C-alpha atoms as a PDB file:
ATOM      1  CA  MET A   1       3.919 -11.232  -7.471  1.00  0.00           C
ATOM      2  CA  VAL A   2       0.468  -9.884  -6.361  1.00  0.00           C
ATOM      3  CA  LEU A   3      -0.802 -10.597  -2.303  1.00  0.00           C
ATOM      4  CA  HIS A   4      -4.402 -11.142  -1.796  1.00  0.00           C
ATOM      5  CA  GLY A   5      -6.975 -13.465   0.145  1.00  0.00           C
ATOM      6  CA  ASN A   6      -7.913 -13.329   3.707  1.00  0.00           C
ATOM      7  CA  GLU A   7      -4.610 -13.681   5.318  1.00  0.00           C
ATOM      8  CA  LEU A   8      -3.741  -9.966   4.221  1.00  0.00           C
ATOM      9  CA  GLN A   9      -7.287  -8.722   4.467  1.00  0.00           C
ATOM     10  CA  ALA A  10      -7.741  -9.993   8.037  1.00  0.00           C
ATOM     11  CA  PHE A  11      -4.217  -8.819   8.663  1.00  0.00           C
ATOM     12  CA  PHE A  12      -5.227  -5.144   8.139  1.00  0.00           C
ATOM     13  CA  LEU A  13      -8.562  -5.039   9.577  1.00  0.00           C
ATOM     14  CA  ASN A  14      -7.485  -7.117  12.559  1.00  0.00           C
ATOM     15  CA  LYS A  15      -3.452  -5.611  13.208  1.00  0.00           C
ATOM     16  CA  CYS A  16      -3.554  -2.508  11.580  1.00  0.00           C
ATOM     17  CA  GLY A  17      -7.073  -1.366  12.896  1.00  0.00           C
ATOM     18  CA  ILE A  18      -8.132  -0.971   9.107  1.00  0.00           C
ATOM     19  CA  PRO A  19     -12.162   0.001   9.060  1.00  0.00           C
ATOM     20  CA  GLY A  20     -13.937  -2.801   7.332  1.00  0.00           C
ATOM     21  CA  ASN A  21     -15.044  -0.524   4.242  1.00  0.00           C
ATOM     22  CA  LYS A  22     -11.340   0.675   3.433  1.00  0.00           C
ATOM     23  CA  VAL A  23      -9.587  -2.581   3.667  1.00  0.00           C
ATOM     24  CA  LYS A  24      -9.849  -3.975  -0.166  1.00  0.00           C
ATOM     25  CA  PHE A  25      -8.688  -0.482  -1.223  1.00  0.00           C
ATOM     26  CA  TYR A  26      -5.636  -0.987   1.079  1.00  0.00           C
ATOM     27  CA  VAL A  27      -4.789  -4.811  -0.487  1.00  0.00           C
ATOM     28  CA  SER A  28      -5.357  -3.154  -3.764  1.00  0.00           C
ATOM     29  CA  TRP A  29      -2.624  -0.030  -3.134  1.00  0.00           C
ATOM     30  CA  LEU A  30       0.042  -2.979  -1.281  1.00  0.00           C
ATOM     31  CA  ASN A  31      -0.308  -4.495  -4.786  1.00  0.00           C
ATOM     32  CA  ARG A  32       0.176  -1.562  -6.694  1.00  0.00           C
ATOM     33  CA  PHE A  33       3.296  -0.952  -4.708  1.00  0.00           C
ATOM     34  CA  LEU A  34       4.344  -4.250  -5.198  1.00  0.00           C
ATOM     35  CA  GLU A  35       3.918  -3.220  -9.084  1.00  0.00           C
ATOM     36  CA  TYR A  36       5.846  -0.691  -8.992  1.00  0.00           C
ATOM     37  CA  ARG A  37       8.740  -2.306  -6.945  1.00  0.00           C
ATOM     38  CA  ASN A  38       8.483  -5.541  -9.516  1.00  0.00           C
ATOM     39  CA  GLY A  39       7.487  -7.825  -6.990  1.00  0.00           C
ATOM     40  CA  ASN A  40       9.752  -6.951  -4.704  1.00  0.00           C
ATOM     41  CA  LEU A  41       8.920  -6.275  -0.818  1.00  0.00           C
ATOM     42  CA  ASP A  42      12.584  -6.414   0.329  1.00  0.00           C
ATOM     43  CA  ASP A  43      14.486  -3.387   1.775  1.00  0.00           C
ATOM     44  CA  ILE A  44      11.719  -0.673   1.091  1.00  0.00           C
ATOM     45  CA  SER A  45      12.512   2.492   2.105  1.00  0.00           C
ATOM     46  CA  GLU A  46      10.752   5.357   3.051  1.00  0.00           C
ATOM     47  CA  HIS A  47      12.282   6.729  -0.014  1.00  0.00           C
ATOM     48  CA  ASP A  48      11.000   4.637  -2.392  1.00  0.00           C
ATOM     49  CA  LEU A  49       7.935   5.321  -0.423  1.00  0.00           C
ATOM     50  CA  LYS A  50       7.833   8.976  -1.181  1.00  0.00           C
ATOM     51  CA  THR A  51       8.777   8.017  -4.777  1.00  0.00           C
ATOM     52  CA  PHE A  52       5.367   5.843  -5.110  1.00  0.00           C
ATOM     53  CA  GLY A  53       3.413   8.307  -3.312  1.00  0.00           C
ATOM     54  CA  ASP A  54       5.005  11.037  -6.617  1.00  0.00           C
ATOM     55  CA  ASP A  55       4.347   8.618  -9.149  1.00  0.00           C
ATOM     56  CA  LEU A  56       0.892   8.686  -7.733  1.00  0.00           C
ATOM     57  CA  GLU A  57       0.702  12.817  -8.138  1.00  0.00           C
ATOM     58  CA  GLU A  58       2.311  12.633 -10.824  1.00  0.00           C
ATOM     59  CA  LYS A  59      -0.652  10.740 -12.502  1.00  0.00           C
ATOM     60  CA  GLY A  60      -3.088  12.919 -10.995  1.00  0.00           C
ATOM     61  CA  TYR A  61      -4.664  11.152  -8.028  1.00  0.00           C
ATOM     62  CA  GLN A  62      -5.863  13.407  -5.186  1.00  0.00           C
ATOM     63  CA  ASP A  63      -3.423  14.264  -1.498  1.00  0.00           C
ATOM     64  CA  TRP A  64      -5.779  11.779   0.569  1.00  0.00           C
ATOM     65  CA  VAL A  65      -5.607   9.066  -2.497  1.00  0.00           C
ATOM     66  CA  VAL A  66      -2.149   9.343  -2.374  1.00  0.00           C
ATOM     67  CA  LYS A  67      -1.657   9.353   1.685  1.00  0.00           C
ATOM     68  CA  GLN A  68      -3.741   6.388   1.604  1.00  0.00           C
ATOM     69  CA  ALA A  69      -1.726   4.442  -0.789  1.00  0.00           C
ATOM     70  CA  GLN A  70       1.473   4.928   1.487  1.00  0.00           C
ATOM     71  CA  GLU A  71      -0.237   4.165   4.376  1.00  0.00           C
ATOM     72  CA  ALA A  72      -1.316   0.829   2.904  1.00  0.00           C
ATOM     73  CA  VAL A  73       2.483  -0.318   2.807  1.00  0.00           C
ATOM     74  CA  LEU A  74       3.988   1.440   5.988  1.00  0.00           C
ATOM     75  CA  PRO A  75       3.046  -2.017   7.899  1.00  0.00           C
ATOM     76  CA  TYR A  76       5.602  -3.694   5.483  1.00  0.00           C
ATOM     77  CA  LEU A  77       8.023  -0.774   6.296  1.00  0.00           C
ATOM     78  CA  TYR A  78       8.469  -2.106  10.080  1.00  0.00           C
END
């Protein structure tokens, strides 16, 4: 399952207040999280978000990138 399209972009832009130049990155991170979770957005916990961040850190991503990736998923936790 890959989320995309104008609705998701509008969600990040309008409902989450993400600046327009960053929206494509948030969409991409949410889709990567979906891949990490095998397409499942049900019952996401803070532990899932932490392990996703830990996985990114192990792959060599910088702290600010990991934070952005986790921020992209946060709206789906709540």
